[in-house]
Protein backbone atom coordinates (compact mmCIF):
# COMPACT_ATOMS: atom_id res chain seq x y z
CA MET A 1 -30.52 70.56 71.42
CA GLU A 2 -30.83 70.24 67.66
CA ARG A 3 -30.36 66.49 67.88
CA CYS A 4 -33.42 66.21 70.13
CA LYS A 5 -35.47 68.26 67.68
CA GLU A 6 -34.44 65.92 64.89
CA MET A 7 -35.66 62.99 67.01
CA GLU A 8 -38.98 64.81 67.63
CA ILE A 9 -38.53 64.83 71.40
CA PRO A 10 -41.00 67.47 72.67
CA LEU A 11 -39.44 68.36 76.04
CA VAL A 12 -35.74 68.74 76.81
CA GLY A 13 -34.06 70.36 79.81
CA ILE A 14 -30.47 70.62 81.06
CA ALA A 15 -29.17 70.88 84.61
CA ASN A 16 -25.60 71.12 85.83
CA VAL A 17 -24.69 68.66 88.57
CA GLU A 18 -24.06 71.48 91.08
CA ARG A 19 -27.83 71.95 91.37
CA TRP A 20 -28.13 68.67 93.30
CA LYS A 21 -25.90 70.21 95.99
CA ASP A 22 -28.07 73.32 96.31
CA PRO A 23 -31.64 72.02 95.84
CA PRO A 24 -34.70 74.30 95.55
CA LEU A 25 -36.69 72.35 98.16
CA HIS A 26 -36.21 70.35 101.33
CA PRO A 27 -36.05 67.61 102.44
CA TRP A 28 -33.69 66.47 99.70
CA MET A 29 -32.17 63.14 98.69
CA PRO A 30 -28.94 61.72 100.15
CA GLU A 31 -25.75 62.44 98.20
CA GLU A 32 -25.46 58.84 97.00
CA PHE A 33 -28.38 59.55 94.62
CA TYR A 34 -26.66 62.55 92.97
CA PRO A 35 -25.61 62.10 89.30
CA GLN A 36 -21.93 62.60 90.13
CA SER A 37 -22.17 59.86 92.76
CA ILE A 38 -23.45 57.44 90.12
CA PHE A 39 -21.25 58.63 87.22
CA PRO A 40 -18.29 60.60 88.64
CA ASP A 41 -17.50 62.17 85.25
CA ALA A 42 -20.95 63.79 85.06
CA ARG A 43 -20.98 67.56 84.65
CA SER A 44 -24.43 67.98 83.08
CA VAL A 45 -27.70 66.06 83.08
CA ILE A 46 -29.93 66.13 80.01
CA VAL A 47 -33.56 65.27 80.71
CA ILE A 48 -36.05 64.42 77.97
CA GLY A 49 -39.81 64.07 78.34
CA LEU A 50 -42.36 62.10 76.33
CA PRO A 51 -46.09 62.68 76.87
CA ILE A 52 -48.76 60.21 77.96
CA THR A 53 -51.72 60.60 75.58
CA LEU A 54 -54.68 61.74 77.69
CA PRO A 55 -57.54 59.88 75.90
CA VAL A 56 -55.62 56.60 76.29
CA LEU A 57 -54.84 57.34 79.93
CA GLU A 58 -58.54 57.94 80.55
CA THR A 59 -59.25 54.25 79.91
CA SER A 60 -57.03 53.28 82.86
CA PRO A 61 -56.79 50.74 84.32
CA SER A 62 -56.70 49.01 80.95
CA ILE A 63 -54.52 47.11 78.50
CA HIS A 64 -54.59 50.21 76.28
CA TYR A 65 -52.89 52.40 78.88
CA ARG A 66 -50.54 49.58 79.88
CA GLU A 67 -49.30 49.29 76.29
CA LEU A 68 -48.90 53.06 75.97
CA TYR A 69 -46.96 53.19 79.25
CA ASN A 70 -44.61 50.41 78.12
CA THR A 71 -44.15 52.03 74.70
CA VAL A 72 -43.20 55.38 76.20
CA ASN A 73 -40.77 53.72 78.60
CA ALA A 74 -39.15 51.81 75.74
CA LEU A 75 -38.82 54.98 73.66
CA LEU A 76 -37.25 56.85 76.58
CA ASP A 77 -34.62 54.15 76.98
CA GLN A 78 -33.96 54.11 73.24
CA TYR A 79 -33.75 57.89 72.90
CA THR A 80 -31.51 58.40 75.94
CA TYR A 81 -29.26 55.55 74.79
CA ARG A 82 -28.99 57.07 71.32
CA LEU A 83 -28.31 60.55 72.70
CA SER A 84 -25.61 59.27 75.03
CA ASN A 85 -23.89 57.53 72.10
CA PHE A 86 -24.25 60.68 70.02
CA LEU A 87 -22.30 62.55 72.71
CA ASN A 88 -19.77 59.72 73.11
CA HIS A 89 -18.97 59.82 69.41
CA ARG A 90 -18.23 63.52 69.77
CA GLY A 91 -15.75 63.00 72.56
CA HIS A 92 -17.99 63.59 75.60
CA PRO A 93 -18.20 60.53 77.87
CA SER A 94 -21.90 59.96 78.56
CA ILE A 95 -24.30 57.31 79.81
CA PHE A 96 -28.06 56.84 79.67
CA VAL A 97 -30.07 56.08 82.82
CA PRO A 98 -32.86 53.49 82.41
CA ARG A 99 -36.38 54.84 82.76
CA ASP A 100 -37.36 52.41 85.55
CA GLY A 101 -34.54 51.49 87.90
CA TYR A 102 -36.22 48.41 89.35
CA GLY A 103 -36.96 44.89 88.17
CA SER A 104 -40.68 44.62 88.83
CA ILE A 105 -43.52 45.86 91.01
CA LYS A 106 -42.86 43.00 93.43
CA VAL A 107 -39.23 44.07 93.73
CA LEU A 108 -40.39 47.64 94.29
CA LEU A 109 -42.55 46.48 97.18
CA GLU A 110 -39.44 45.00 98.81
CA ASN A 111 -37.12 47.92 98.00
CA PRO A 112 -39.23 50.97 97.03
CA ILE A 113 -36.46 53.30 95.84
CA ALA A 114 -34.72 53.48 92.45
CA PHE A 115 -31.03 54.42 92.23
CA PHE A 116 -31.85 57.73 90.49
CA SER A 117 -34.86 60.06 90.37
CA HIS A 118 -35.81 61.34 86.92
CA ARG A 119 -38.52 63.48 88.53
CA HIS A 120 -36.00 65.46 90.55
CA ALA A 121 -33.79 65.75 87.48
CA ALA A 122 -36.75 67.17 85.54
CA LEU A 123 -37.32 69.70 88.32
CA LEU A 124 -33.66 70.79 88.31
CA SER A 125 -33.59 71.03 84.51
CA GLY A 126 -36.47 73.50 84.48
CA LEU A 127 -39.15 71.27 82.98
CA GLY A 128 -41.72 71.56 85.77
CA SER A 129 -42.59 71.66 89.46
CA PHE A 130 -43.79 69.09 91.98
CA GLY A 131 -47.49 68.68 92.62
CA ILE A 132 -49.43 67.28 95.55
CA SER A 133 -49.24 63.87 93.88
CA ASN A 134 -45.42 64.03 94.13
CA MET A 135 -45.29 63.97 90.34
CA ILE A 136 -43.67 66.64 88.18
CA LEU A 137 -46.21 68.93 86.52
CA THR A 138 -45.28 70.59 83.22
CA PRO A 139 -47.05 73.50 81.49
CA GLU A 140 -47.50 71.41 78.35
CA TYR A 141 -48.75 68.09 79.72
CA GLY A 142 -49.30 68.53 83.46
CA PRO A 143 -48.10 65.27 85.07
CA ARG A 144 -48.91 63.23 81.94
CA ILE A 145 -45.25 63.00 80.98
CA ARG A 146 -42.45 60.53 81.60
CA PHE A 147 -38.78 61.42 81.78
CA GLY A 148 -35.44 59.91 80.88
CA SER A 149 -31.95 61.19 81.69
CA ILE A 150 -28.44 61.28 80.27
CA PHE A 151 -25.34 61.96 82.37
CA THR A 152 -22.58 63.61 80.36
CA GLU A 153 -19.10 64.97 80.91
CA ALA A 154 -19.96 67.82 78.54
CA VAL A 155 -20.37 71.18 80.27
CA LEU A 156 -23.68 72.45 78.90
CA PRO A 157 -25.52 75.68 79.72
CA PRO A 158 -28.27 74.82 82.24
CA ASP A 159 -31.86 75.83 81.66
CA PRO A 160 -33.52 78.14 84.20
CA LEU A 161 -35.80 76.62 86.81
CA ILE A 162 -39.47 77.04 86.04
CA GLY A 163 -39.87 79.68 88.73
CA LYS A 164 -43.53 79.11 89.55
CA GLN A 165 -45.73 76.53 91.20
CA LEU A 166 -47.97 74.79 88.65
CA CYS A 167 -49.99 72.74 91.14
CA THR A 168 -53.37 74.36 91.83
CA ARG A 169 -53.92 72.29 95.00
CA CYS A 170 -57.35 71.29 93.71
CA MET A 171 -56.97 67.98 95.61
CA ARG A 172 -58.45 65.87 92.81
CA CYS A 173 -55.47 63.51 92.97
CA VAL A 174 -56.01 63.15 96.73
CA ASP A 175 -59.76 62.60 96.50
CA MET A 176 -59.69 60.15 93.57
CA CYS A 177 -56.64 58.05 94.45
CA PRO A 178 -57.98 54.46 94.63
CA SER A 179 -55.28 53.36 97.09
CA LYS A 180 -55.56 56.49 99.28
CA SER A 181 -51.80 56.98 98.98
CA ILE A 182 -51.68 60.78 98.76
CA SER A 183 -51.85 63.24 101.62
CA LYS A 184 -52.22 66.99 101.11
CA GLU A 185 -50.58 67.72 104.46
CA ASP A 186 -47.13 66.56 103.40
CA TYR A 187 -46.70 68.56 100.19
CA PRO A 188 -44.33 68.45 98.26
CA ASP A 189 -43.77 64.87 99.44
CA GLY A 190 -47.43 64.08 98.98
CA LEU A 191 -47.03 60.40 98.19
CA THR A 192 -46.88 59.41 101.83
CA ASP A 193 -47.71 55.74 101.38
CA LYS A 194 -45.54 54.33 98.62
CA MET A 195 -46.32 50.79 99.69
CA ALA A 196 -50.06 51.33 99.24
CA CYS A 197 -49.49 52.78 95.77
CA ALA A 198 -47.11 49.99 94.73
CA GLY A 199 -49.38 47.36 96.29
CA TYR A 200 -52.35 48.57 94.26
CA SER A 201 -50.19 48.56 91.11
CA ALA A 202 -49.12 45.00 91.92
CA LYS A 203 -52.77 43.90 92.04
CA LEU A 204 -53.43 45.58 88.69
CA ASN A 205 -50.30 43.96 87.29
CA GLU A 206 -51.70 40.52 88.12
CA LYS A 207 -54.59 41.41 85.81
CA TYR A 208 -52.21 42.82 83.14
CA ILE A 209 -53.79 46.28 83.40
CA SER A 210 -51.20 48.18 85.44
CA PRO A 211 -50.20 50.93 86.09
CA CYS A 212 -52.98 52.95 87.73
CA GLY A 213 -52.52 56.55 86.51
CA ILE A 214 -55.62 58.04 88.15
CA CYS A 215 -53.73 60.90 89.83
CA ILE A 216 -52.18 62.08 86.56
CA LYS A 217 -55.44 61.59 84.64
CA VAL A 218 -57.51 63.94 86.82
CA CYS A 219 -54.90 66.70 87.20
CA PRO A 220 -56.26 69.94 85.62
CA VAL A 221 -52.82 71.28 84.68
CA GLY A 222 -51.54 71.01 81.11
CA GLU A 223 -52.18 72.38 77.64
CA ASP A 224 -53.07 68.86 76.50
CA ARG A 225 -56.40 69.20 78.33
CA ILE A 226 -57.27 72.08 75.99
CA LEU A 227 -56.29 70.04 72.93
CA TYR A 228 -58.64 67.21 73.89
CA GLY A 229 -61.44 69.42 75.25
CA ARG A 230 -61.01 68.20 78.81
CA GLY A 231 -61.46 71.50 80.65
CA ASP A 232 -64.46 70.28 82.66
CA PRO A 233 -63.24 68.07 85.55
CA SER A 234 -66.67 66.54 86.05
CA ILE A 235 -66.11 64.44 82.93
CA TYR A 236 -64.67 61.74 85.23
CA THR A 237 -67.52 61.75 87.76
CA ASP A 238 -70.68 62.74 85.88
CA LYS A 239 -71.56 59.51 84.11
CA ASP A 240 -74.86 60.86 82.78
CA ARG A 241 -73.70 64.08 81.13
CA PHE A 242 -70.59 62.42 79.69
CA ALA A 243 -72.17 59.04 79.00
CA GLU A 244 -70.50 58.49 75.63
CA TYR A 245 -67.03 58.85 77.13
CA HIS A 246 -67.75 56.56 80.08
CA ARG A 247 -69.24 54.00 77.70
CA ALA A 248 -66.08 54.09 75.58
CA TRP A 249 -63.82 53.75 78.63
CA ARG A 250 -65.81 50.82 79.98
CA HIS A 251 -65.51 49.06 76.64
CA VAL A 252 -61.73 49.30 76.59
CA ARG A 253 -61.43 48.28 80.26
CA SER A 254 -63.52 45.16 79.63
CA TYR A 255 -60.97 43.49 77.37
CA GLY A 256 -57.32 42.48 77.33
CA GLY A 257 -56.90 41.77 81.04
CA ARG A 258 -57.97 39.25 83.61
CA LYS A 259 -61.44 39.77 85.05
CA THR A 260 -60.63 38.29 88.46
C-alpha cells in the first residue's frame, strides 16, 4: 500500500479472512479467534511489521531492549490506528487491533491467550513462516519483528503465502532459552511451556528489564544479521574472541534495572 510506504513501514502483507477457514497448518485456532468473529464486517486483514534492532536486542535483558520493545509496540498501535482511520475516511469500515491484547505479564500468567494472534495473521498474509520458537520468521529480519493488524471491510487482493520454510532447525533457540520453554519435538507449536516463558518474563519485569528476547536474538535467519556482521553464531558464546561485544553488553545490562 502506498500509504504504508509514505509512513515508512518496512513490511506489509494482506490476507483475506477466508484463509483462517482453510489454514496452512494444523492444529489451528478455534473459530472465535478468527478476524470475522471479532469484527463481523472484516473482509481483509492488513498486517504491518516493524523490526527489532539486533544490536539493541543483544543487550537483553536490559533497559535498552525494554525501551526499544515498548517503542515498537507503541508505534505499531499508532500506525495501525492511523491506517484504520485512513480507510474509514475512504468509506471502508476498519478497526485496529492492539499489539498486546493483555493487561500485564501477571494477567498473562492467569490467562495466557490474547483475543487475536498477530503471528498467525502475519503467516496468512505472506510475511513469514513459523520457527521452532513458535515465532514468525521473515526473510528480512528473521524473528526480530513485531506485528500489528487492521481488520477492514475493504476487499483487498491477498498476498501469496511465503511458500517455504525459513527455520533452519539449528536448535539455538531451544538450547539457549533461559526458561527451557521450547521443545523441538512439538514443532510448529514449539513453545510448549507458555507459563515458564511468561513466568521468566514476570521475574525480569520486576527488575524493569523485561522482555527476554533470547530466542529471537540467536536465530540465524534474517538479512539484518548480514547488515550488522552477525553471521558467526559463536558471538553469543565465545566471550574471549568477541570480548569487546560482551563487554559492551555487560555495561548496558548493569544499569537501569534492579540488581536484585
